[in-house]
Amino acid sequence: MEDNAVFNAGCGAALNTAGEVELDAIIMDGRTLGAGAVASVKNIANPVSLARTVMEKTDHVILTGKGANLFAESIGVATEPTDKLVSELQMKQWKKHKNYAAGVVENFNSKWAHDTVGAVAVDCAGNVACATSTGGIHQKMTGRVGDSPIIGCGGYADNFRGAVSCTGHGESILKVTLASRILSHMDRGKSVAEASALSL
């Protein structure tokens, strides 16, 4: 999905105030609670793949900015020219909305959703996993990190509880640790719909 400019991830990501793409992503394995995340990465077309490599090949959970890009370089992850990840649609949006407040309105009041991508999965053995990838919000400050790469906020997976991938206003999701909160309500017997509604 990160390769499809319809979505706010990878090559279709929203642009920050400098007109640049900065990407966040997380992946989590519900069987082991292993997790990897990257935040504010540039020139990486598929940040969720880089997040998985953080999970599998480092002792850390999250790498940010320059450090994440240096790690990607050290393991041979291909980089893309900065302008290749900037879609024509996002450049038009960036020129149209010159401030963060307008970007938030555009993201959440448009009838045409252009949103974070996420997935949850369960295998034949009952193991769950989640992944979330995003470009954030139009006109975000350079270096802004939202909920997507934060465990328990933008995503969470635990075989004993379930798996969640979130999308929405990152600052609001961060304040309530939304992914974890949804699973807590489900632990109390609520349905997915009820848990989601109660968690907002």
C-alpha atoms as a PDB file:
ATOM      1  CA  MET A   1       0.000   0.000   0.000  1.00  0.00           C
ATOM      2  CA  GLU A   2       2.969   2.329   0.550  1.00  0.00           C
ATOM      3  CA  ASP A   3       3.616   2.208  -3.207  1.00  0.00           C
ATOM      4  CA  ASN A   4       0.103   3.426  -4.038  1.00  0.00           C
ATOM      5  CA  ALA A   5      -0.131   7.234  -4.079  1.00  0.00           C
ATOM      6  CA  VAL A   6      -3.823   7.022  -3.140  1.00  0.00           C
ATOM      7  CA  PHE A   7      -2.716   6.423   0.465  1.00  0.00           C
ATOM      8  CA  ASN A   8      -0.976   8.731   2.930  1.00  0.00           C
ATOM      9  CA  ALA A   9       2.114   6.558   3.173  1.00  0.00           C
ATOM     10  CA  GLY A  10       5.265   6.087   1.135  1.00  0.00           C
ATOM     11  CA  CYS A  11       4.922   7.766  -2.254  1.00  0.00           C
ATOM     12  CA  GLY A  12       1.542   9.335  -1.415  1.00  0.00           C
ATOM     13  CA  ALA A  13       2.534  10.819   1.937  1.00  0.00           C
ATOM     14  CA  ALA A  14       1.374  14.190   3.207  1.00  0.00           C
ATOM     15  CA  LEU A  15       4.070  16.885   3.135  1.00  0.00           C
ATOM     16  CA  ASN A  16       5.496  18.739   6.126  1.00  0.00           C
ATOM     17  CA  THR A  17       5.886  22.533   6.325  1.00  0.00           C
ATOM     18  CA  ALA A  18       9.081  22.314   4.261  1.00  0.00           C
ATOM     19  CA  GLY A  19       7.276  20.414   1.491  1.00  0.00           C
ATOM     20  CA  GLU A  20       9.112  17.199   2.352  1.00  0.00           C
ATOM     21  CA  VAL A  21       8.037  13.612   2.986  1.00  0.00           C
ATOM     22  CA  GLU A  22       8.803  12.318   6.502  1.00  0.00           C
ATOM     23  CA  LEU A  23       7.477   8.853   7.244  1.00  0.00           C
ATOM     24  CA  ASP A  24       6.536   6.849  10.363  1.00  0.00           C
ATOM     25  CA  ALA A  25       5.807   3.127  10.603  1.00  0.00           C
ATOM     26  CA  ILE A  26       5.453   0.270  13.086  1.00  0.00           C
ATOM     27  CA  ILE A  27       5.169  -3.503  12.950  1.00  0.00           C
ATOM     28  CA  MET A  28       4.452  -5.831  15.871  1.00  0.00           C
ATOM     29  CA  ASP A  29       4.411  -9.615  16.309  1.00  0.00           C
ATOM     30  CA  GLY A  30       1.716 -10.709  18.745  1.00  0.00           C
ATOM     31  CA  ARG A  31       3.350 -14.074  19.443  1.00  0.00           C
ATOM     32  CA  THR A  32       6.650 -12.639  20.742  1.00  0.00           C
ATOM     33  CA  LEU A  33       5.672  -8.996  21.392  1.00  0.00           C
ATOM     34  CA  GLY A  34       8.580  -8.163  19.105  1.00  0.00           C
ATOM     35  CA  ALA A  35       8.203  -4.728  17.579  1.00  0.00           C
ATOM     36  CA  GLY A  36      10.066  -2.378  15.307  1.00  0.00           C
ATOM     37  CA  ALA A  37       9.348   1.195  14.344  1.00  0.00           C
ATOM     38  CA  VAL A  38      10.811   4.132  12.466  1.00  0.00           C
ATOM     39  CA  ALA A  39       9.901   7.799  12.682  1.00  0.00           C
ATOM     40  CA  SER A  40      10.665  10.871  10.586  1.00  0.00           C
ATOM     41  CA  VAL A  41      12.515   8.884   7.933  1.00  0.00           C
ATOM     42  CA  LYS A  42      13.223  10.364   4.528  1.00  0.00           C
ATOM     43  CA  ASN A  43      13.956   8.834   1.151  1.00  0.00           C
ATOM     44  CA  ILE A  44      12.617   5.384   2.149  1.00  0.00           C
ATOM     45  CA  ALA A  45       9.714   4.233  -0.039  1.00  0.00           C
ATOM     46  CA  ASN A  46       8.638   1.406   2.283  1.00  0.00           C
ATOM     47  CA  PRO A  47       9.207   2.413   5.909  1.00  0.00           C
ATOM     48  CA  VAL A  48       7.199  -0.531   7.285  1.00  0.00           C
ATOM     49  CA  SER A  49       9.807  -2.880   5.784  1.00  0.00           C
ATOM     50  CA  LEU A  50      12.510  -0.851   7.513  1.00  0.00           C
ATOM     51  CA  ALA A  51      10.514  -1.084  10.771  1.00  0.00           C
ATOM     52  CA  ARG A  52      10.449  -4.869  10.397  1.00  0.00           C
ATOM     53  CA  THR A  53      14.230  -4.892   9.956  1.00  0.00           C
ATOM     54  CA  VAL A  54      14.590  -2.803  13.122  1.00  0.00           C
ATOM     55  CA  MET A  55      12.553  -5.499  14.894  1.00  0.00           C
ATOM     56  CA  GLU A  56      14.508  -8.400  13.438  1.00  0.00           C
ATOM     57  CA  LYS A  57      18.073  -7.087  13.276  1.00  0.00           C
ATOM     58  CA  THR A  58      18.554  -4.662  16.177  1.00  0.00           C
ATOM     59  CA  ASP A  59      18.185  -4.622  19.950  1.00  0.00           C
ATOM     60  CA  HIS A  60      15.993  -1.524  19.692  1.00  0.00           C
ATOM     61  CA  VAL A  61      12.320  -0.883  19.071  1.00  0.00           C
ATOM     62  CA  ILE A  62      12.317   2.540  17.409  1.00  0.00           C
ATOM     63  CA  LEU A  63      14.809   4.503  15.331  1.00  0.00           C
ATOM     64  CA  THR A  64      14.184   8.085  14.241  1.00  0.00           C
ATOM     65  CA  GLY A  65      15.277  10.559  11.623  1.00  0.00           C
ATOM     66  CA  LYS A  66      18.932  10.495  10.674  1.00  0.00           C
ATOM     67  CA  GLY A  67      19.600   7.412  12.799  1.00  0.00           C
ATOM     68  CA  ALA A  68      16.896   5.423  11.021  1.00  0.00           C
ATOM     69  CA  ASN A  69      18.247   6.526   7.652  1.00  0.00           C
ATOM     70  CA  LEU A  70      21.813   5.606   8.652  1.00  0.00           C
ATOM     71  CA  PHE A  71      20.591   2.171   9.749  1.00  0.00           C
ATOM     72  CA  ALA A  72      18.793   1.740   6.414  1.00  0.00           C
ATOM     73  CA  GLU A  73      21.981   2.643   4.574  1.00  0.00           C
ATOM     74  CA  SER A  74      24.050   0.234   6.688  1.00  0.00           C
ATOM     75  CA  ILE A  75      21.859  -2.721   5.708  1.00  0.00           C
ATOM     76  CA  GLY A  76      21.557  -1.764   2.055  1.00  0.00           C
ATOM     77  CA  VAL A  77      17.977  -0.510   1.964  1.00  0.00           C
ATOM     78  CA  ALA A  78      17.462   1.347  -1.301  1.00  0.00           C
ATOM     79  CA  THR A  79      16.755   5.052  -1.002  1.00  0.00           C
ATOM     80  CA  GLU A  80      14.685   7.205  -3.312  1.00  0.00           C
ATOM     81  CA  PRO A  81      15.372  10.776  -4.415  1.00  0.00           C
ATOM     82  CA  THR A  82      13.453  13.189  -2.199  1.00  0.00           C
ATOM     83  CA  ASP A  83      11.188  14.393  -4.995  1.00  0.00           C
ATOM     84  CA  LYS A  84      10.266  10.863  -6.134  1.00  0.00           C
ATOM     85  CA  LEU A  85       8.169  10.329  -2.997  1.00  0.00           C
ATOM     86  CA  VAL A  86       6.296  13.619  -3.458  1.00  0.00           C
ATOM     87  CA  SER A  87       3.065  12.913  -5.334  1.00  0.00           C
ATOM     88  CA  GLU A  88       1.432  15.482  -7.584  1.00  0.00           C
ATOM     89  CA  LEU A  89      -1.716  15.416  -5.420  1.00  0.00           C
ATOM     90  CA  GLN A  90       0.240  16.063  -2.235  1.00  0.00           C
ATOM     91  CA  MET A  91       2.169  18.945  -3.803  1.00  0.00           C
ATOM     92  CA  LYS A  92      -1.165  20.510  -4.802  1.00  0.00           C
ATOM     93  CA  GLN A  93      -2.464  20.055  -1.244  1.00  0.00           C
ATOM     94  CA  TRP A  94       0.726  21.545   0.190  1.00  0.00           C
ATOM     95  CA  LYS A  95       0.397  24.642  -1.981  1.00  0.00           C
ATOM     96  CA  LYS A  96      -3.318  24.939  -1.197  1.00  0.00           C
ATOM     97  CA  HIS A  97      -3.076  24.603   2.599  1.00  0.00           C
ATOM     98  CA  LYS A  98      -0.219  26.664   3.946  1.00  0.00           C
ATOM     99  CA  ASN A  99      -0.710  25.900   7.626  1.00  0.00           C
ATOM    100  CA  TYR A 100      -1.188  22.939   9.941  1.00  0.00           C
ATOM    101  CA  ALA A 101      -4.745  23.829  10.986  1.00  0.00           C
ATOM    102  CA  ALA A 102      -5.844  23.811   7.340  1.00  0.00           C
ATOM    103  CA  GLY A 103      -4.043  20.491   6.894  1.00  0.00           C
ATOM    104  CA  VAL A 104      -5.957  18.959   9.791  1.00  0.00           C
ATOM    105  CA  VAL A 105      -9.262  20.197   8.362  1.00  0.00           C
ATOM    106  CA  GLU A 106      -8.333  18.812   4.942  1.00  0.00           C
ATOM    107  CA  ASN A 107      -7.388  15.422   6.393  1.00  0.00           C
ATOM    108  CA  PHE A 108     -10.441  14.921   8.566  1.00  0.00           C
ATOM    109  CA  ASN A 109     -13.278  16.797   6.859  1.00  0.00           C
ATOM    110  CA  SER A 110     -12.704  15.666   3.292  1.00  0.00           C
ATOM    111  CA  LYS A 111     -15.186  13.177   1.894  1.00  0.00           C
ATOM    112  CA  TRP A 112     -12.258  11.627  -0.006  1.00  0.00           C
ATOM    113  CA  ALA A 113     -10.148   9.936   2.626  1.00  0.00           C
ATOM    114  CA  HIS A 114      -6.419   9.999   2.041  1.00  0.00           C
ATOM    115  CA  ASP A 115      -5.251   8.252   5.127  1.00  0.00           C
ATOM    116  CA  THR A 116      -2.673   6.251   7.006  1.00  0.00           C
ATOM    117  CA  VAL A 117      -2.462   2.608   5.988  1.00  0.00           C
ATOM    118  CA  GLY A 118      -2.591  -0.263   8.416  1.00  0.00           C
ATOM    119  CA  ALA A 119      -3.187  -3.948   8.608  1.00  0.00           C
ATOM    120  CA  VAL A 120      -3.861  -6.632  11.165  1.00  0.00           C
ATOM    121  CA  ALA A 121      -3.428 -10.309  10.440  1.00  0.00           C
ATOM    122  CA  VAL A 122      -3.945 -13.677  12.062  1.00  0.00           C
ATOM    123  CA  ASP A 123      -2.312 -16.893  10.845  1.00  0.00           C
ATOM    124  CA  CYS A 124      -3.610 -20.469  10.975  1.00  0.00           C
ATOM    125  CA  ALA A 125      -1.983 -20.957  14.395  1.00  0.00           C
ATOM    126  CA  GLY A 126      -3.779 -17.934  15.878  1.00  0.00           C
ATOM    127  CA  ASN A 127      -0.739 -15.644  15.897  1.00  0.00           C
ATOM    128  CA  VAL A 128      -1.626 -11.994  15.335  1.00  0.00           C
ATOM    129  CA  ALA A 129       0.359  -9.076  13.972  1.00  0.00           C
ATOM    130  CA  CYS A 130      -0.159  -5.436  13.095  1.00  0.00           C
ATOM    131  CA  ALA A 131       1.501  -2.878  10.867  1.00  0.00           C
ATOM    132  CA  THR A 132       0.862   0.839  10.397  1.00  0.00           C
ATOM    133  CA  SER A 133       2.538   3.300   8.001  1.00  0.00           C
ATOM    134  CA  THR A 134       1.908   7.006   7.474  1.00  0.00           C
ATOM    135  CA  GLY A 135       3.106  10.330   6.187  1.00  0.00           C
ATOM    136  CA  GLY A 136       1.344  12.159   9.009  1.00  0.00           C
ATOM    137  CA  ILE A 137      -0.725  15.312   8.618  1.00  0.00           C
ATOM    138  CA  HIS A 138      -0.524  18.004   5.945  1.00  0.00           C
ATOM    139  CA  GLN A 139       1.775  20.884   6.989  1.00  0.00           C
ATOM    140  CA  LYS A 140       3.084  19.130  10.114  1.00  0.00           C
ATOM    141  CA  MET A 141       6.232  20.608  11.621  1.00  0.00           C
ATOM    142  CA  THR A 142       9.499  19.084  10.448  1.00  0.00           C
ATOM    143  CA  GLY A 143      10.334  16.242  12.834  1.00  0.00           C
ATOM    144  CA  ARG A 144       6.759  15.784  14.068  1.00  0.00           C
ATOM    145  CA  VAL A 145       6.023  12.203  15.110  1.00  0.00           C
ATOM    146  CA  GLY A 146       2.443  11.054  15.493  1.00  0.00           C
ATOM    147  CA  ASP A 147       0.901   7.939  16.947  1.00  0.00           C
ATOM    148  CA  SER A 148       1.719   5.492  14.170  1.00  0.00           C
ATOM    149  CA  PRO A 149       5.198   4.336  15.297  1.00  0.00           C
ATOM    150  CA  ILE A 150       4.365   4.269  19.009  1.00  0.00           C
ATOM    151  CA  ILE A 151       3.475   0.899  20.571  1.00  0.00           C
ATOM    152  CA  GLY A 152      -0.003   0.943  22.100  1.00  0.00           C
ATOM    153  CA  CYS A 153      -0.970   4.074  20.200  1.00  0.00           C
ATOM    154  CA  GLY A 154      -0.766   3.548  16.443  1.00  0.00           C
ATOM    155  CA  GLY A 155      -0.615  -0.201  16.715  1.00  0.00           C
ATOM    156  CA  TYR A 156      -0.469  -3.123  19.104  1.00  0.00           C
ATOM    157  CA  ALA A 157      -0.455  -6.905  18.761  1.00  0.00           C
ATOM    158  CA  ASP A 158      -0.619  -9.549  21.483  1.00  0.00           C
ATOM    159  CA  ASN A 159      -1.800 -13.108  20.908  1.00  0.00           C
ATOM    160  CA  PHE A 160      -3.684 -13.053  24.218  1.00  0.00           C
ATOM    161  CA  ARG A 161      -5.561  -9.834  23.423  1.00  0.00           C
ATOM    162  CA  GLY A 162      -5.687  -9.192  19.681  1.00  0.00           C
ATOM    163  CA  ALA A 163      -4.222  -6.758  17.174  1.00  0.00           C
ATOM    164  CA  VAL A 164      -5.087  -3.161  16.315  1.00  0.00           C
ATOM    165  CA  SER A 165      -3.862  -0.646  13.735  1.00  0.00           C
ATOM    166  CA  CYS A 166      -5.068   2.934  14.178  1.00  0.00           C
ATOM    167  CA  THR A 167      -5.599   5.912  11.926  1.00  0.00           C
ATOM    168  CA  GLY A 168      -6.756   9.410  12.715  1.00  0.00           C
ATOM    169  CA  HIS A 169      -5.463  12.540  14.442  1.00  0.00           C
ATOM    170  CA  GLY A 170      -2.133  11.399  15.881  1.00  0.00           C
ATOM    171  CA  GLU A 171      -1.937  13.850  18.756  1.00  0.00           C
ATOM    172  CA  SER A 172      -5.365  12.752  19.997  1.00  0.00           C
ATOM    173  CA  ILE A 173      -4.534   9.054  19.591  1.00  0.00           C
ATOM    174  CA  LEU A 174      -1.264   9.481  21.509  1.00  0.00           C
ATOM    175  CA  LYS A 175      -3.028  11.046  24.495  1.00  0.00           C
ATOM    176  CA  VAL A 176      -5.251   8.027  25.056  1.00  0.00           C
ATOM    177  CA  THR A 177      -2.949   5.208  23.825  1.00  0.00           C
ATOM    178  CA  LEU A 178      -5.800   4.242  21.524  1.00  0.00           C
ATOM    179  CA  ALA A 179      -4.683   0.804  20.272  1.00  0.00           C
ATOM    180  CA  SER A 180      -4.069  -0.435  23.803  1.00  0.00           C
ATOM    181  CA  ARG A 181      -7.285   1.134  25.094  1.00  0.00           C
ATOM    182  CA  ILE A 182      -9.377  -0.647  22.455  1.00  0.00           C
ATOM    183  CA  LEU A 183      -7.897  -3.996  23.455  1.00  0.00           C
ATOM    184  CA  SER A 184      -8.496  -3.227  27.145  1.00  0.00           C
ATOM    185  CA  HIS A 185     -12.204  -2.733  26.461  1.00  0.00           C
ATOM    186  CA  MET A 186     -12.272  -5.970  24.470  1.00  0.00           C
ATOM    187  CA  ASP A 187     -10.673  -7.725  27.462  1.00  0.00           C
ATOM    188  CA  ARG A 188     -13.787  -6.664  29.379  1.00  0.00           C
ATOM    189  CA  GLY A 189     -16.068  -8.385  26.876  1.00  0.00           C
ATOM    190  CA  LYS A 190     -16.845  -5.484  24.535  1.00  0.00           C
ATOM    191  CA  SER A 191     -17.199  -6.086  20.812  1.00  0.00           C
ATOM    192  CA  VAL A 192     -14.725  -4.463  18.415  1.00  0.00           C
ATOM    193  CA  ALA A 193     -17.289  -1.773  17.549  1.00  0.00           C
ATOM    194  CA  GLU A 194     -18.147  -1.112  21.211  1.00  0.00           C
ATOM    195  CA  ALA A 195     -14.486  -1.051  22.251  1.00  0.00           C
ATOM    196  CA  SER A 196     -13.627   1.383  19.467  1.00  0.00           C
ATOM    197  CA  ALA A 197     -16.503   3.716  20.331  1.00  0.00           C
ATOM    198  CA  LEU A 198     -15.681   3.659  24.060  1.00  0.00           C
ATOM    199  CA  SER A 199     -12.015   4.401  23.396  1.00  0.00           C
ATOM    200  CA  LEU A 200     -12.520   7.677  21.538  1.00  0.00           C
END
